[in-house]
Amino acid sequence: MASKESKENNSFLLLGKELAARLTGNARDVSYWVYILLTVLIFSGMGIWFELFSIWILSLNSENNSFNDMIFADPINLLIAFTTFFPAVSGASLSQLIIGIKDDKKYLRSASFFMLFIIFILCLVAFTLVKTNHFSSALVLNAIGCLCAVIIVWIANADSDQLSDKTNNADASVGGDVDAPLSSRSTDIKV
C-alpha cells in the first residue's frame, strides 16, 4: 500500500503522465495542427521568413552567389531572427501555462518555471554565440530552441477546447435526448 501511495504522490511521475497526455491529446485534431502551423510556424516566425526572403531576393540579383552562398556569407540577421523567435514564443506559452494551471498541478507550474529559466539561459548563450561570430554553433542552438518552442506551444495549448475538434454532447446538460421516453413511470414520482 505504501508503494502505491508513493507513486501517487511522486510528482515526477505525475509530470511525466501529464506531459505524455498533453503531447498526444490533440494530435488527431486538424484545428490544432492548423493552429500550430499558421500561428506558430508562419506568423510567429515572420522575422525568420522575412530574412530568408531577403536573402533569396539578394541571391536572384547576384550573378555569382547562390541562395546557400548568400545565407552563409552574412548569416547574422537570420540568426538574430531565430534567436528572438524561440524565447518569445516559448516564453509566452510558458507564461500562459503558468497562469492557467490549476492548484492540483503545482508540479506542472514548477516545471514551467524551470523551462522558462532554461529558455532564458539558452537565449543568452545563443545571443553570445551570434555576437562572437560562432555561427554554426548558434545555428544548432537556435534550431534546438525553435524545436523546444514548438513543443512548448503544443503542451501549453493541449487542453484548449477552442482548438479541439471533439464535439460536445449538446444534450448532456438536460440529461440526454429530450424526446426519449422517461426511464421511470410517472406514477412513481411523489410530490
N, C-alpha and C. Protein backbone atom coordinates (compact mmCIF):
# COMPACT_ATOMS: atom_id res chain seq x y z
N MET A 1 0.82 -1.19 0.00
CA MET A 1 0.00 0.00 0.00
C MET A 1 0.86 1.26 0.00
N ALA A 2 1.98 1.21 0.72
CA ALA A 2 2.85 2.37 0.80
C ALA A 2 3.45 2.71 -0.56
N SER A 3 3.79 1.70 -1.38
CA SER A 3 4.38 1.98 -2.68
C SER A 3 3.35 2.60 -3.63
N LYS A 4 2.07 2.21 -3.49
CA LYS A 4 1.03 2.80 -4.32
C LYS A 4 0.84 4.27 -3.96
N GLU A 5 0.85 4.59 -2.67
CA GLU A 5 0.73 5.98 -2.23
C GLU A 5 1.93 6.80 -2.68
N SER A 6 3.12 6.21 -2.63
CA SER A 6 4.31 6.96 -3.03
C SER A 6 4.29 7.21 -4.54
N LYS A 7 3.74 6.28 -5.33
CA LYS A 7 3.62 6.52 -6.76
C LYS A 7 2.61 7.63 -7.05
N GLU A 8 1.52 7.66 -6.30
CA GLU A 8 0.51 8.69 -6.50
C GLU A 8 1.01 10.06 -6.06
N ASN A 9 1.94 10.11 -5.11
CA ASN A 9 2.48 11.37 -4.62
C ASN A 9 3.79 11.77 -5.28
N ASN A 10 4.31 10.93 -6.16
CA ASN A 10 5.55 11.23 -6.85
C ASN A 10 5.25 12.21 -7.98
N SER A 11 5.60 13.47 -7.78
CA SER A 11 5.25 14.48 -8.78
C SER A 11 6.04 14.32 -10.07
N PHE A 12 7.17 13.63 -10.05
CA PHE A 12 7.89 13.36 -11.30
C PHE A 12 7.08 12.43 -12.18
N LEU A 13 6.47 11.40 -11.58
CA LEU A 13 5.61 10.51 -12.35
C LEU A 13 4.36 11.24 -12.84
N LEU A 14 3.79 12.07 -11.98
CA LEU A 14 2.61 12.84 -12.38
C LEU A 14 2.95 13.80 -13.52
N LEU A 15 4.11 14.43 -13.45
CA LEU A 15 4.54 15.33 -14.51
C LEU A 15 4.73 14.56 -15.82
N GLY A 16 5.34 13.40 -15.74
CA GLY A 16 5.54 12.58 -16.93
C GLY A 16 4.22 12.18 -17.58
N LYS A 17 3.25 11.78 -16.75
CA LYS A 17 1.93 11.41 -17.27
C LYS A 17 1.22 12.61 -17.89
N GLU A 18 1.33 13.76 -17.23
CA GLU A 18 0.70 14.99 -17.73
C GLU A 18 1.30 15.41 -19.06
N LEU A 19 2.62 15.36 -19.17
CA LEU A 19 3.27 15.74 -20.42
C LEU A 19 2.93 14.77 -21.54
N ALA A 20 2.90 13.49 -21.23
CA ALA A 20 2.54 12.49 -22.24
C ALA A 20 1.12 12.70 -22.73
N ALA A 21 0.21 12.97 -21.81
CA ALA A 21 -1.19 13.21 -22.18
C ALA A 21 -1.31 14.48 -23.03
N ARG A 22 -0.55 15.52 -22.68
CA ARG A 22 -0.63 16.78 -23.44
C ARG A 22 0.03 16.65 -24.81
N LEU A 23 1.06 15.84 -24.92
CA LEU A 23 1.72 15.67 -26.22
C LEU A 23 0.90 14.85 -27.20
N THR A 24 0.10 13.95 -26.69
CA THR A 24 -0.67 13.07 -27.58
C THR A 24 -2.15 13.43 -27.67
N GLY A 25 -2.63 14.30 -26.79
CA GLY A 25 -4.06 14.58 -26.69
C GLY A 25 -4.71 15.11 -27.95
N ASN A 26 -4.15 16.13 -28.56
CA ASN A 26 -4.77 16.75 -29.73
C ASN A 26 -4.08 16.40 -31.04
N ALA A 27 -3.28 15.37 -31.05
CA ALA A 27 -2.50 15.02 -32.23
C ALA A 27 -3.37 14.66 -33.43
N ARG A 28 -4.62 14.30 -33.21
CA ARG A 28 -5.50 13.93 -34.32
C ARG A 28 -6.48 15.03 -34.70
N ASP A 29 -6.32 16.21 -34.13
CA ASP A 29 -7.24 17.31 -34.40
C ASP A 29 -6.66 18.24 -35.47
N VAL A 30 -7.39 18.39 -36.57
CA VAL A 30 -6.95 19.25 -37.67
C VAL A 30 -6.81 20.69 -37.20
N SER A 31 -7.76 21.16 -36.39
CA SER A 31 -7.71 22.54 -35.90
C SER A 31 -6.43 22.81 -35.13
N TYR A 32 -5.98 21.84 -34.37
CA TYR A 32 -4.76 22.01 -33.58
C TYR A 32 -3.54 22.13 -34.49
N TRP A 33 -3.46 21.27 -35.49
CA TRP A 33 -2.34 21.32 -36.43
C TRP A 33 -2.34 22.63 -37.21
N VAL A 34 -3.51 23.09 -37.64
CA VAL A 34 -3.59 24.36 -38.37
C VAL A 34 -3.13 25.50 -37.47
N TYR A 35 -3.53 25.47 -36.21
CA TYR A 35 -3.09 26.50 -35.25
C TYR A 35 -1.57 26.51 -35.12
N ILE A 36 -0.98 25.34 -34.95
CA ILE A 36 0.48 25.25 -34.80
C ILE A 36 1.18 25.74 -36.06
N LEU A 37 0.70 25.29 -37.22
CA LEU A 37 1.37 25.67 -38.47
C LEU A 37 1.20 27.15 -38.78
N LEU A 38 -0.04 27.66 -38.68
CA LEU A 38 -0.28 29.05 -39.05
C LEU A 38 0.26 30.04 -38.03
N THR A 39 -0.15 29.89 -36.79
CA THR A 39 0.21 30.92 -35.82
C THR A 39 1.64 30.82 -35.34
N VAL A 40 2.11 29.62 -35.10
CA VAL A 40 3.46 29.48 -34.54
C VAL A 40 4.53 29.50 -35.62
N LEU A 41 4.39 28.62 -36.59
CA LEU A 41 5.47 28.50 -37.58
C LEU A 41 5.46 29.59 -38.64
N ILE A 42 4.28 30.08 -39.03
CA ILE A 42 4.26 31.09 -40.09
C ILE A 42 4.22 32.50 -39.50
N PHE A 43 3.16 32.83 -38.74
CA PHE A 43 3.04 34.21 -38.26
C PHE A 43 4.07 34.56 -37.18
N SER A 44 4.28 33.69 -36.21
CA SER A 44 5.27 33.99 -35.17
C SER A 44 6.69 33.97 -35.73
N GLY A 45 6.90 33.19 -36.76
CA GLY A 45 8.22 33.11 -37.38
C GLY A 45 8.41 34.10 -38.52
N MET A 46 7.59 35.14 -38.57
CA MET A 46 7.64 36.10 -39.67
C MET A 46 9.01 36.75 -39.83
N GLY A 47 9.70 37.02 -38.75
CA GLY A 47 11.05 37.61 -38.85
C GLY A 47 12.01 36.67 -39.56
N ILE A 48 11.89 35.39 -39.29
CA ILE A 48 12.74 34.39 -39.96
C ILE A 48 12.39 34.32 -41.44
N TRP A 49 11.09 34.27 -41.74
CA TRP A 49 10.66 34.21 -43.15
C TRP A 49 11.10 35.47 -43.90
N PHE A 50 11.01 36.62 -43.25
CA PHE A 50 11.44 37.87 -43.89
C PHE A 50 12.93 37.82 -44.23
N GLU A 51 13.74 37.34 -43.30
CA GLU A 51 15.18 37.27 -43.57
C GLU A 51 15.49 36.27 -44.68
N LEU A 52 14.82 35.12 -44.67
CA LEU A 52 15.03 34.14 -45.74
C LEU A 52 14.62 34.71 -47.10
N PHE A 53 13.49 35.42 -47.12
CA PHE A 53 13.01 36.04 -48.35
C PHE A 53 14.00 37.10 -48.84
N SER A 54 14.53 37.89 -47.90
CA SER A 54 15.52 38.92 -48.27
C SER A 54 16.76 38.29 -48.88
N ILE A 55 17.22 37.21 -48.29
CA ILE A 55 18.41 36.52 -48.81
C ILE A 55 18.11 35.94 -50.18
N TRP A 56 16.91 35.40 -50.36
CA TRP A 56 16.52 34.83 -51.65
C TRP A 56 16.50 35.92 -52.73
N ILE A 57 15.92 37.09 -52.40
CA ILE A 57 15.87 38.20 -53.36
C ILE A 57 17.29 38.64 -53.72
N LEU A 58 18.17 38.74 -52.72
CA LEU A 58 19.56 39.12 -52.99
C LEU A 58 20.25 38.10 -53.87
N SER A 59 19.96 36.82 -53.67
CA SER A 59 20.60 35.78 -54.48
C SER A 59 20.10 35.82 -55.92
N LEU A 60 18.86 36.26 -56.13
CA LEU A 60 18.35 36.39 -57.50
C LEU A 60 19.04 37.54 -58.24
N ASN A 61 19.37 38.59 -57.51
CA ASN A 61 20.01 39.76 -58.10
C ASN A 61 21.52 39.60 -58.24
N SER A 62 22.07 38.54 -57.64
CA SER A 62 23.51 38.32 -57.71
C SER A 62 23.80 37.25 -58.74
N GLU A 63 24.71 37.53 -59.63
CA GLU A 63 25.04 36.56 -60.68
C GLU A 63 25.99 35.48 -60.17
N ASN A 64 26.77 35.78 -59.15
CA ASN A 64 27.82 34.88 -58.70
C ASN A 64 27.43 34.03 -57.50
N ASN A 65 26.42 34.44 -56.72
CA ASN A 65 26.12 33.76 -55.46
C ASN A 65 24.77 33.05 -55.52
N SER A 66 24.76 31.85 -55.00
CA SER A 66 23.50 31.10 -54.89
C SER A 66 22.85 31.43 -53.55
N PHE A 67 21.66 30.89 -53.36
CA PHE A 67 20.93 31.13 -52.11
C PHE A 67 21.75 30.65 -50.91
N ASN A 68 22.31 29.44 -51.00
CA ASN A 68 23.12 28.90 -49.89
C ASN A 68 24.36 29.75 -49.63
N ASP A 69 25.00 30.24 -50.69
CA ASP A 69 26.16 31.11 -50.51
C ASP A 69 25.78 32.39 -49.79
N MET A 70 24.62 32.92 -50.13
CA MET A 70 24.17 34.18 -49.53
C MET A 70 23.85 34.01 -48.04
N ILE A 71 23.28 32.85 -47.68
CA ILE A 71 22.95 32.62 -46.26
C ILE A 71 24.23 32.59 -45.43
N PHE A 72 25.23 31.91 -45.91
CA PHE A 72 26.45 31.76 -45.12
C PHE A 72 27.42 32.93 -45.29
N ALA A 73 27.16 33.82 -46.26
CA ALA A 73 28.01 34.99 -46.43
C ALA A 73 27.81 35.97 -45.28
N ASP A 74 26.56 36.22 -44.89
CA ASP A 74 26.27 37.14 -43.78
C ASP A 74 25.04 36.61 -43.03
N PRO A 75 25.24 35.63 -42.15
CA PRO A 75 24.09 34.99 -41.50
C PRO A 75 23.58 35.70 -40.24
N ILE A 76 24.18 36.82 -39.87
CA ILE A 76 23.86 37.40 -38.56
C ILE A 76 22.39 37.81 -38.43
N ASN A 77 21.80 38.42 -39.46
CA ASN A 77 20.39 38.84 -39.37
C ASN A 77 19.46 37.64 -39.25
N LEU A 78 19.74 36.59 -40.00
CA LEU A 78 18.92 35.39 -39.91
C LEU A 78 19.06 34.74 -38.53
N LEU A 79 20.25 34.69 -38.01
CA LEU A 79 20.47 34.10 -36.69
C LEU A 79 19.81 34.92 -35.59
N ILE A 80 19.83 36.24 -35.72
CA ILE A 80 19.15 37.08 -34.72
C ILE A 80 17.64 36.85 -34.80
N ALA A 81 17.11 36.66 -36.01
CA ALA A 81 15.67 36.36 -36.15
C ALA A 81 15.34 35.05 -35.45
N PHE A 82 16.17 34.04 -35.62
CA PHE A 82 15.95 32.76 -34.92
C PHE A 82 16.08 32.95 -33.41
N THR A 83 17.09 33.71 -32.99
CA THR A 83 17.36 33.88 -31.57
C THR A 83 16.27 34.67 -30.86
N THR A 84 15.56 35.51 -31.59
CA THR A 84 14.44 36.23 -30.97
C THR A 84 13.13 35.46 -31.08
N PHE A 85 13.05 34.51 -32.00
CA PHE A 85 11.82 33.73 -32.19
C PHE A 85 11.56 32.81 -31.01
N PHE A 86 12.50 31.94 -30.70
CA PHE A 86 12.20 30.89 -29.72
C PHE A 86 11.97 31.38 -28.31
N PRO A 87 12.68 32.41 -27.80
CA PRO A 87 12.35 32.85 -26.44
C PRO A 87 11.00 33.56 -26.38
N ALA A 88 10.63 34.28 -27.43
CA ALA A 88 9.34 34.98 -27.43
C ALA A 88 8.19 33.99 -27.44
N VAL A 89 8.26 33.01 -28.32
CA VAL A 89 7.17 32.03 -28.45
C VAL A 89 7.09 31.13 -27.22
N SER A 90 8.22 30.60 -26.79
CA SER A 90 8.19 29.70 -25.63
C SER A 90 7.91 30.47 -24.34
N GLY A 91 8.41 31.69 -24.22
CA GLY A 91 8.13 32.49 -23.03
C GLY A 91 6.65 32.81 -22.89
N ALA A 92 6.01 33.19 -23.99
CA ALA A 92 4.58 33.48 -23.96
C ALA A 92 3.77 32.22 -23.63
N SER A 93 4.14 31.11 -24.22
CA SER A 93 3.41 29.87 -23.97
C SER A 93 3.62 29.35 -22.56
N LEU A 94 4.84 29.46 -22.05
CA LEU A 94 5.09 29.03 -20.67
C LEU A 94 4.37 29.94 -19.68
N SER A 95 4.31 31.23 -19.97
CA SER A 95 3.56 32.14 -19.10
C SER A 95 2.07 31.80 -19.11
N GLN A 96 1.56 31.48 -20.29
CA GLN A 96 0.16 31.05 -20.41
C GLN A 96 -0.08 29.79 -19.60
N LEU A 97 0.85 28.87 -19.66
CA LEU A 97 0.73 27.62 -18.91
C LEU A 97 0.79 27.87 -17.41
N ILE A 98 1.70 28.72 -16.97
CA ILE A 98 1.85 29.03 -15.54
C ILE A 98 0.58 29.68 -15.00
N ILE A 99 0.03 30.62 -15.74
CA ILE A 99 -1.18 31.32 -15.29
C ILE A 99 -2.39 30.39 -15.27
N GLY A 100 -2.50 29.49 -16.24
CA GLY A 100 -3.69 28.67 -16.38
C GLY A 100 -3.69 27.36 -15.61
N ILE A 101 -2.62 27.03 -14.92
CA ILE A 101 -2.54 25.75 -14.22
C ILE A 101 -3.39 25.78 -12.95
N LYS A 102 -4.13 24.69 -12.75
CA LYS A 102 -4.93 24.56 -11.54
C LYS A 102 -4.02 24.21 -10.36
N ASP A 103 -4.51 24.48 -9.16
CA ASP A 103 -3.69 24.26 -7.95
C ASP A 103 -3.31 22.81 -7.73
N ASP A 104 -4.08 21.87 -8.28
CA ASP A 104 -3.75 20.47 -8.06
C ASP A 104 -2.60 19.99 -8.96
N LYS A 105 -2.10 20.88 -9.84
CA LYS A 105 -0.98 20.52 -10.73
C LYS A 105 0.19 21.47 -10.53
N LYS A 106 0.59 21.63 -9.28
CA LYS A 106 1.70 22.54 -8.97
C LYS A 106 3.00 22.06 -9.60
N TYR A 107 3.14 20.76 -9.79
CA TYR A 107 4.34 20.20 -10.41
C TYR A 107 4.49 20.70 -11.84
N LEU A 108 3.38 20.92 -12.54
CA LEU A 108 3.44 21.44 -13.91
C LEU A 108 3.84 22.91 -13.90
N ARG A 109 3.36 23.65 -12.93
CA ARG A 109 3.76 25.06 -12.78
C ARG A 109 5.26 25.15 -12.49
N SER A 110 5.75 24.32 -11.59
CA SER A 110 7.18 24.33 -11.26
C SER A 110 8.02 23.97 -12.47
N ALA A 111 7.60 22.96 -13.22
CA ALA A 111 8.33 22.56 -14.43
C ALA A 111 8.31 23.68 -15.46
N SER A 112 7.21 24.43 -15.53
CA SER A 112 7.11 25.55 -16.47
C SER A 112 8.07 26.67 -16.08
N PHE A 113 8.15 26.98 -14.79
CA PHE A 113 9.12 27.99 -14.33
C PHE A 113 10.55 27.54 -14.65
N PHE A 114 10.84 26.26 -14.43
CA PHE A 114 12.17 25.74 -14.71
C PHE A 114 12.48 25.85 -16.21
N MET A 115 11.51 25.51 -17.07
CA MET A 115 11.73 25.60 -18.52
C MET A 115 11.91 27.06 -18.94
N LEU A 116 11.18 27.97 -18.30
CA LEU A 116 11.33 29.39 -18.60
C LEU A 116 12.77 29.84 -18.31
N PHE A 117 13.32 29.37 -17.20
CA PHE A 117 14.71 29.67 -16.86
C PHE A 117 15.67 29.07 -17.88
N ILE A 118 15.44 27.82 -18.29
CA ILE A 118 16.30 27.15 -19.28
C ILE A 118 16.26 27.90 -20.61
N ILE A 119 15.06 28.32 -21.03
CA ILE A 119 14.93 29.07 -22.29
C ILE A 119 15.68 30.39 -22.20
N PHE A 120 15.61 31.05 -21.05
CA PHE A 120 16.33 32.30 -20.85
C PHE A 120 17.84 32.08 -21.00
N ILE A 121 18.36 31.05 -20.37
CA ILE A 121 19.80 30.73 -20.46
C ILE A 121 20.16 30.37 -21.90
N LEU A 122 19.33 29.57 -22.55
CA LEU A 122 19.56 29.17 -23.95
C LEU A 122 19.61 30.41 -24.84
N CYS A 123 18.73 31.36 -24.59
CA CYS A 123 18.70 32.60 -25.36
C CYS A 123 19.97 33.42 -25.15
N LEU A 124 20.41 33.54 -23.91
CA LEU A 124 21.65 34.28 -23.63
C LEU A 124 22.85 33.64 -24.32
N VAL A 125 22.93 32.32 -24.26
CA VAL A 125 24.04 31.62 -24.91
C VAL A 125 23.97 31.80 -26.43
N ALA A 126 22.75 31.70 -27.00
CA ALA A 126 22.59 31.87 -28.44
C ALA A 126 23.00 33.27 -28.88
N PHE A 127 22.57 34.31 -28.14
CA PHE A 127 22.97 35.67 -28.48
C PHE A 127 24.48 35.84 -28.38
N THR A 128 25.08 35.26 -27.37
CA THR A 128 26.53 35.35 -27.21
C THR A 128 27.24 34.68 -28.39
N LEU A 129 26.74 33.53 -28.82
CA LEU A 129 27.34 32.83 -29.96
C LEU A 129 27.20 33.65 -31.24
N VAL A 130 26.06 34.27 -31.44
CA VAL A 130 25.85 35.09 -32.63
C VAL A 130 26.79 36.30 -32.62
N LYS A 131 26.85 36.98 -31.48
CA LYS A 131 27.66 38.20 -31.39
C LYS A 131 29.16 37.94 -31.44
N THR A 132 29.57 36.72 -31.10
CA THR A 132 31.00 36.38 -31.15
C THR A 132 31.35 35.59 -32.42
N ASN A 133 30.45 35.61 -33.38
CA ASN A 133 30.66 35.01 -34.71
C ASN A 133 30.86 33.49 -34.69
N HIS A 134 30.27 32.80 -33.75
CA HIS A 134 30.25 31.34 -33.75
C HIS A 134 28.94 30.89 -34.40
N PHE A 135 28.85 31.11 -35.72
CA PHE A 135 27.58 30.98 -36.42
C PHE A 135 27.05 29.54 -36.48
N SER A 136 27.93 28.58 -36.68
CA SER A 136 27.45 27.19 -36.77
C SER A 136 26.91 26.71 -35.43
N SER A 137 27.60 27.06 -34.35
CA SER A 137 27.11 26.68 -33.02
C SER A 137 25.80 27.41 -32.70
N ALA A 138 25.71 28.67 -33.10
CA ALA A 138 24.48 29.45 -32.87
C ALA A 138 23.32 28.85 -33.65
N LEU A 139 23.59 28.40 -34.87
CA LEU A 139 22.53 27.80 -35.68
C LEU A 139 22.00 26.51 -35.05
N VAL A 140 22.89 25.68 -34.54
CA VAL A 140 22.47 24.44 -33.88
C VAL A 140 21.66 24.76 -32.62
N LEU A 141 22.15 25.67 -31.82
CA LEU A 141 21.45 26.04 -30.59
C LEU A 141 20.09 26.67 -30.89
N ASN A 142 20.01 27.50 -31.92
CA ASN A 142 18.74 28.09 -32.31
C ASN A 142 17.76 27.05 -32.84
N ALA A 143 18.26 26.07 -33.57
CA ALA A 143 17.38 25.00 -34.05
C ALA A 143 16.80 24.22 -32.87
N ILE A 144 17.61 23.94 -31.88
CA ILE A 144 17.13 23.26 -30.67
C ILE A 144 16.11 24.15 -29.95
N GLY A 145 16.41 25.43 -29.82
CA GLY A 145 15.49 26.37 -29.17
C GLY A 145 14.15 26.47 -29.89
N CYS A 146 14.20 26.53 -31.22
CA CYS A 146 12.95 26.61 -32.01
C CYS A 146 12.12 25.34 -31.88
N LEU A 147 12.77 24.19 -31.89
CA LEU A 147 12.05 22.93 -31.70
C LEU A 147 11.42 22.89 -30.31
N CYS A 148 12.16 23.31 -29.31
CA CYS A 148 11.61 23.38 -27.94
C CYS A 148 10.42 24.32 -27.88
N ALA A 149 10.50 25.46 -28.58
CA ALA A 149 9.41 26.43 -28.57
C ALA A 149 8.13 25.83 -29.14
N VAL A 150 8.24 25.11 -30.23
CA VAL A 150 7.06 24.48 -30.85
C VAL A 150 6.47 23.42 -29.91
N ILE A 151 7.32 22.64 -29.28
CA ILE A 151 6.84 21.63 -28.33
C ILE A 151 6.17 22.29 -27.13
N ILE A 152 6.73 23.39 -26.65
CA ILE A 152 6.16 24.10 -25.51
C ILE A 152 4.78 24.67 -25.87
N VAL A 153 4.65 25.23 -27.07
CA VAL A 153 3.34 25.73 -27.51
C VAL A 153 2.34 24.58 -27.57
N TRP A 154 2.79 23.44 -28.07
CA TRP A 154 1.92 22.26 -28.17
C TRP A 154 1.43 21.85 -26.78
N ILE A 155 2.34 21.78 -25.83
CA ILE A 155 1.98 21.37 -24.47
C ILE A 155 1.08 22.41 -23.79
N ALA A 156 1.39 23.69 -23.98
CA ALA A 156 0.63 24.74 -23.31
C ALA A 156 -0.81 24.82 -23.79
N ASN A 157 -1.05 24.48 -25.05
CA ASN A 157 -2.39 24.60 -25.62
C ASN A 157 -3.11 23.27 -25.73
N ALA A 158 -2.57 22.24 -25.13
CA ALA A 158 -3.13 20.89 -25.29
C ALA A 158 -4.53 20.75 -24.72
N ASP A 159 -4.86 21.51 -23.70
CA ASP A 159 -6.19 21.37 -23.10
C ASP A 159 -7.16 22.46 -23.55
N SER A 160 -6.84 23.13 -24.64
CA SER A 160 -7.70 24.20 -25.16
C SER A 160 -8.91 23.61 -25.87
N ASP A 161 -10.10 23.95 -25.39
CA ASP A 161 -11.32 23.49 -26.03
C ASP A 161 -11.51 24.15 -27.40
N GLN A 162 -11.01 25.36 -27.56
CA GLN A 162 -11.17 26.06 -28.82
C GLN A 162 -10.39 25.41 -29.96
N LEU A 163 -9.33 24.68 -29.63
CA LEU A 163 -8.51 24.05 -30.66
C LEU A 163 -8.83 22.57 -30.83
N SER A 164 -9.78 22.07 -30.08
CA SER A 164 -10.14 20.65 -30.14
C SER A 164 -11.24 20.45 -31.18
N ASP A 165 -11.13 19.39 -31.97
CA ASP A 165 -12.16 19.04 -32.94
C ASP A 165 -13.21 18.11 -32.36
N LYS A 166 -13.06 17.75 -31.11
CA LYS A 166 -14.02 16.87 -30.48
C LYS A 166 -15.32 17.63 -30.26
N THR A 167 -16.44 17.00 -30.62
CA THR A 167 -17.73 17.67 -30.46
C THR A 167 -18.23 17.47 -29.04
N ASN A 168 -18.90 18.48 -28.56
CA ASN A 168 -19.52 18.40 -27.24
C ASN A 168 -20.91 17.81 -27.39
N ASN A 169 -21.34 17.07 -26.40
CA ASN A 169 -22.67 16.49 -26.40
C ASN A 169 -23.64 17.58 -25.96
N ALA A 170 -24.42 18.08 -26.91
CA ALA A 170 -25.33 19.19 -26.63
C ALA A 170 -26.46 18.79 -25.69
N ASP A 171 -26.78 17.48 -25.62
CA ASP A 171 -27.88 17.03 -24.76
C ASP A 171 -27.43 16.75 -23.34
N ALA A 172 -26.15 16.85 -23.04
CA ALA A 172 -25.65 16.48 -21.72
C ALA A 172 -26.24 17.35 -20.61
N SER A 173 -26.49 18.61 -20.89
CA SER A 173 -26.98 19.50 -19.83
C SER A 173 -28.41 19.20 -19.41
N VAL A 174 -29.17 18.55 -20.27
CA VAL A 174 -30.56 18.22 -19.94
C VAL A 174 -30.73 16.75 -19.61
N GLY A 175 -29.66 16.01 -19.54
CA GLY A 175 -29.74 14.61 -19.16
C GLY A 175 -29.96 13.66 -20.31
N GLY A 176 -29.74 14.10 -21.52
CA GLY A 176 -29.89 13.23 -22.68
C GLY A 176 -30.87 13.80 -23.68
N ASP A 177 -31.32 12.95 -24.59
CA ASP A 177 -32.26 13.35 -25.63
C ASP A 177 -33.59 13.73 -25.00
N VAL A 178 -34.07 14.94 -25.31
CA VAL A 178 -35.31 15.42 -24.69
C VAL A 178 -36.54 14.70 -25.23
N ASP A 179 -36.45 14.02 -26.35
CA ASP A 179 -37.57 13.28 -26.92
C ASP A 179 -37.62 11.82 -26.49
N ALA A 180 -36.62 11.37 -25.75
CA ALA A 180 -36.56 9.97 -25.31
C ALA A 180 -37.60 9.73 -24.21
N PRO A 181 -38.13 8.51 -24.15
CA PRO A 181 -39.10 8.22 -23.08
C PRO A 181 -38.42 8.21 -21.72
N LEU A 182 -39.18 8.52 -20.69
CA LEU A 182 -38.63 8.53 -19.33
C LEU A 182 -38.27 7.13 -18.90
N SER A 183 -37.25 7.03 -18.08
CA SER A 183 -36.81 5.70 -17.63
C SER A 183 -37.66 5.20 -16.49
N SER A 184 -38.44 6.03 -15.87
CA SER A 184 -39.32 5.59 -14.77
C SER A 184 -40.76 5.92 -15.11
N ARG A 185 -41.66 5.27 -14.39
CA ARG A 185 -43.08 5.57 -14.61
C ARG A 185 -43.43 6.85 -13.88
N SER A 186 -44.29 7.62 -14.43
CA SER A 186 -44.68 8.88 -13.80
C SER A 186 -45.45 8.67 -12.52
N THR A 187 -46.00 7.47 -12.30
CA THR A 187 -46.72 7.20 -11.06
C THR A 187 -45.77 7.00 -9.90
N ASP A 188 -44.48 6.74 -10.18
CA ASP A 188 -43.50 6.54 -9.13
C ASP A 188 -43.02 7.87 -8.52
N ILE A 189 -43.33 8.96 -9.16
CA ILE A 189 -42.88 10.26 -8.68
C ILE A 189 -43.87 10.80 -7.66
N LYS A 190 -43.38 11.14 -6.49
CA LYS A 190 -44.22 11.69 -5.42
C LYS A 190 -43.83 13.14 -5.19
N VAL A 191 -44.86 13.97 -5.12
CA VAL A 191 -44.62 15.40 -4.93
C VAL A 191 -44.98 15.79 -3.52
